Amino acid sequence: MSESATNHFSDSITIDENTFFQLYECYWKKLYQIALKYLGDRFEAEEVVQELFTSLWQRKDTLVLQRETVENYLVRSVRFKIARMYKDEIRKTGKINELKEQQVSFNNHTEKQVLYHFLKQDIEKLVVLLPDRCKDIYNLSRERGLNNKEIALGLSISEKTVENQLTKALSFLRNGLKKYPRT
């Protein structure tokens, strides 16, 4: 390093323009090779080394390096930047996956709502087509929530008749709704 770059302590280095270029010339290639080894991408490796030297220059007024540890400092700095890149990538991937899951869930929910709406409309259309007695028993069972015994008492018919009419109605509806997926 140049004499102008050293403090009154012979092992300290302050960064000026001359010292900066000396550090760059001396360590750029080694730092680039380390970054390339870990990242496997030339452009990313170059970017990491550029960011390191940019950071050194930006902190030139406050940064004092020790002559015997400057290489270790620079190597650790590159590794730290790479580790931060990996950490950021992992966090970003996690967020992207989380958003994808939310999107799929939202899409499934919307799709299910639309399917439910169409299914309900088709059921209503089919119920209208049922014979009157069958339709009345179905509505009492499904819409009012009455059990077979309550329906039989209310209509003065046997429970067996209620059961037969419900079976007939459900079979008719099932046949009319075959286009819908069964889950």
Protein backbone atom coordinates (compact mmCIF):
# COMPACT_ATOMS: atom_id res chain seq x y z
CA MET A 1 0.00 0.00 0.00
CA SER A 2 1.17 3.56 -0.52
CA GLU A 3 2.66 5.57 2.30
CA SER A 4 -0.17 8.10 1.98
CA ALA A 5 -2.61 5.33 2.73
CA THR A 6 -1.09 4.46 6.06
CA ASN A 7 -1.75 6.14 9.36
CA HIS A 8 0.86 6.96 11.90
CA PHE A 9 0.32 3.31 12.89
CA SER A 10 2.25 1.27 10.35
CA ASP A 11 -0.25 -1.63 10.32
CA SER A 12 -3.40 0.48 9.71
CA ILE A 13 -4.74 1.31 6.29
CA THR A 14 -7.04 4.20 5.56
CA ILE A 15 -8.72 4.21 2.22
CA ASP A 16 -7.99 6.93 -0.27
CA GLU A 17 -8.21 6.76 -4.03
CA ASN A 18 -4.77 5.22 -4.48
CA THR A 19 -5.27 2.61 -1.72
CA PHE A 20 -8.71 1.75 -3.05
CA PHE A 21 -7.35 0.98 -6.53
CA GLN A 22 -4.48 -1.03 -5.03
CA LEU A 23 -6.94 -3.11 -2.99
CA TYR A 24 -9.11 -3.55 -6.05
CA GLU A 25 -6.21 -4.66 -8.28
CA CYS A 26 -4.78 -6.95 -5.62
CA TYR A 27 -7.97 -8.72 -4.45
CA TRP A 28 -10.65 -8.37 -7.13
CA LYS A 29 -9.85 -11.60 -8.94
CA LYS A 30 -9.61 -13.71 -5.76
CA LEU A 31 -12.89 -12.30 -4.42
CA TYR A 32 -14.56 -12.87 -7.78
CA GLN A 33 -13.41 -16.52 -7.83
CA ILE A 34 -14.78 -17.08 -4.33
CA ALA A 35 -18.12 -15.54 -5.27
CA LEU A 36 -18.24 -17.54 -8.51
CA LYS A 37 -17.51 -20.77 -6.60
CA TYR A 38 -20.49 -20.20 -4.28
CA LEU A 39 -22.93 -18.61 -6.73
CA GLY A 40 -22.09 -20.41 -9.95
CA ASP A 41 -23.09 -17.34 -11.96
CA ARG A 42 -20.53 -14.90 -13.42
CA PHE A 43 -22.84 -11.89 -13.34
CA GLU A 44 -23.92 -12.46 -9.74
CA ALA A 45 -20.30 -13.00 -8.71
CA GLU A 46 -19.27 -9.73 -10.38
CA GLU A 47 -22.18 -7.95 -8.74
CA VAL A 48 -21.19 -9.18 -5.26
CA VAL A 49 -17.58 -8.04 -5.70
CA GLN A 50 -18.71 -4.67 -7.12
CA GLU A 51 -21.05 -4.17 -4.17
CA LEU A 52 -18.22 -4.93 -1.75
CA PHE A 53 -15.87 -2.41 -3.33
CA THR A 54 -18.66 0.16 -3.60
CA SER A 55 -19.30 -0.30 0.11
CA LEU A 56 -15.58 0.13 0.87
CA TRP A 57 -15.48 3.37 -1.09
CA GLN A 58 -18.64 4.70 0.56
CA ARG A 59 -17.15 4.05 4.01
CA LYS A 60 -13.65 5.30 3.13
CA ASP A 61 -13.80 8.18 5.59
CA THR A 62 -14.61 5.98 8.59
CA LEU A 63 -13.15 2.58 7.69
CA VAL A 64 -9.69 1.68 8.95
CA LEU A 65 -8.34 -1.72 7.97
CA GLN A 66 -5.43 -3.64 9.47
CA ARG A 67 -2.70 -4.45 6.97
CA GLU A 68 -2.29 -8.08 8.05
CA THR A 69 -6.06 -8.84 8.11
CA VAL A 70 -7.29 -6.89 5.09
CA GLU A 71 -7.48 -10.01 2.90
CA ASN A 72 -9.43 -11.94 5.56
CA TYR A 73 -11.74 -8.96 5.99
CA LEU A 74 -12.49 -8.79 2.25
CA VAL A 75 -13.01 -12.57 1.92
CA ARG A 76 -15.36 -12.61 4.94
CA SER A 77 -17.23 -9.64 3.49
CA VAL A 78 -17.80 -11.45 0.19
CA ARG A 79 -18.97 -14.58 2.01
CA PHE A 80 -21.27 -12.49 4.20
CA LYS A 81 -22.80 -10.82 1.12
CA ILE A 82 -23.33 -14.24 -0.48
CA ALA A 83 -24.92 -15.59 2.70
CA ARG A 84 -27.24 -12.57 2.77
CA MET A 85 -28.15 -13.23 -0.89
CA TYR A 86 -29.02 -16.85 -0.05
CA LYS A 87 -31.05 -15.76 2.96
CA ASP A 88 -32.92 -13.15 0.89
CA GLU A 89 -33.57 -15.72 -1.84
CA ILE A 90 -34.93 -18.23 0.67
CA ARG A 91 -37.18 -15.56 2.19
CA LYS A 92 -38.36 -14.43 -1.26
CA THR A 93 -39.05 -18.03 -2.34
CA GLY A 94 -41.00 -18.59 0.88
CA LYS A 95 -43.10 -15.50 0.27
CA ILE A 96 -43.73 -16.47 -3.35
CA ASN A 97 -44.80 -19.98 -2.30
CA GLU A 98 -47.05 -18.50 0.39
CA LEU A 99 -48.68 -16.18 -2.15
CA LYS A 100 -49.12 -19.05 -4.62
CA GLU A 101 -50.84 -21.13 -1.93
CA GLN A 102 -53.11 -18.21 -1.05
CA GLN A 103 -53.90 -17.69 -4.74
CA VAL A 104 -54.71 -21.38 -5.24
CA SER A 105 -56.85 -21.35 -2.11
CA PHE A 106 -58.63 -18.20 -3.25
CA ASN A 107 -59.16 -19.61 -6.76
CA ASN A 108 -60.48 -22.88 -5.33
CA HIS A 109 -62.81 -20.99 -3.00
CA THR A 110 -64.16 -18.85 -5.84
CA GLU A 111 -64.53 -21.87 -8.09
CA LYS A 112 -66.39 -23.75 -5.36
CA GLN A 113 -68.71 -20.78 -4.80
CA VAL A 114 -69.55 -20.58 -8.50
CA LEU A 115 -70.07 -24.34 -8.71
CA TYR A 116 -72.30 -24.22 -5.61
CA HIS A 117 -74.36 -21.39 -7.13
CA PHE A 118 -74.95 -23.33 -10.37
CA LEU A 119 -75.67 -26.54 -8.48
CA LYS A 120 -78.25 -24.79 -6.30
CA GLN A 121 -79.95 -23.29 -9.39
CA ASP A 122 -80.06 -26.67 -11.12
CA ILE A 123 -81.51 -28.34 -8.02
CA GLU A 124 -84.22 -25.68 -7.83
CA LYS A 125 -85.06 -26.24 -11.52
CA LEU A 126 -85.26 -30.00 -11.00
CA VAL A 127 -87.38 -29.72 -7.83
CA VAL A 128 -89.97 -27.74 -9.82
CA LEU A 129 -90.24 -30.72 -12.20
CA LEU A 130 -91.07 -33.20 -9.39
CA PRO A 131 -94.68 -34.40 -9.00
CA ASP A 132 -96.58 -32.26 -6.47
CA ARG A 133 -96.68 -34.80 -3.60
CA CYS A 134 -93.01 -35.70 -4.10
CA LYS A 135 -92.06 -31.99 -4.28
CA ASP A 136 -93.97 -31.19 -1.05
CA ILE A 137 -92.30 -34.02 0.86
CA TYR A 138 -88.85 -33.07 -0.49
CA ASN A 139 -89.32 -29.40 0.52
CA LEU A 140 -90.51 -30.34 4.00
CA SER A 141 -87.51 -32.61 4.44
CA ARG A 142 -84.72 -30.52 2.89
CA GLU A 143 -85.86 -26.93 3.28
CA ARG A 144 -87.75 -27.09 6.57
CA GLY A 145 -85.59 -29.81 8.10
CA LEU A 146 -88.43 -32.10 9.21
CA ASN A 147 -87.74 -35.79 9.73
CA ASN A 148 -89.82 -38.56 8.10
CA LYS A 149 -92.05 -39.05 11.15
CA GLU A 150 -92.88 -35.32 11.38
CA ILE A 151 -93.67 -35.17 7.65
CA ALA A 152 -95.89 -38.28 7.88
CA LEU A 153 -97.84 -36.82 10.81
CA GLY A 154 -98.18 -33.41 9.12
CA LEU A 155 -99.47 -34.87 5.84
CA SER A 156 -101.41 -37.76 7.42
CA ILE A 157 -99.49 -40.40 5.45
CA SER A 158 -97.29 -43.31 6.49
CA GLU A 159 -93.58 -42.94 7.13
CA LYS A 160 -92.99 -45.56 4.45
CA THR A 161 -94.74 -43.32 1.88
CA VAL A 162 -92.56 -40.38 2.97
CA GLU A 163 -89.47 -42.56 2.61
CA ASN A 164 -90.51 -43.77 -0.85
CA GLN A 165 -91.29 -40.24 -2.06
CA LEU A 166 -87.91 -38.93 -0.77
CA THR A 167 -86.10 -41.82 -2.45
CA LYS A 168 -87.91 -41.05 -5.70
CA ALA A 169 -87.07 -37.30 -5.43
CA LEU A 170 -83.39 -37.89 -4.59
CA SER A 171 -83.01 -40.41 -7.40
CA PHE A 172 -84.54 -37.91 -9.86
CA LEU A 173 -82.22 -35.14 -8.63
CA ARG A 174 -79.13 -37.38 -8.72
CA ASN A 175 -79.85 -38.30 -12.36
CA GLY A 176 -80.39 -34.65 -13.26
CA LEU A 177 -77.10 -33.61 -11.62
CA LYS A 178 -74.74 -36.18 -13.15
CA LYS A 179 -72.70 -33.41 -14.83
CA TYR A 180 -71.44 -32.24 -11.44
CA PRO A 181 -68.30 -33.83 -9.95
CA ARG A 182 -68.80 -35.98 -6.88
CA THR A 183 -66.59 -35.14 -3.92
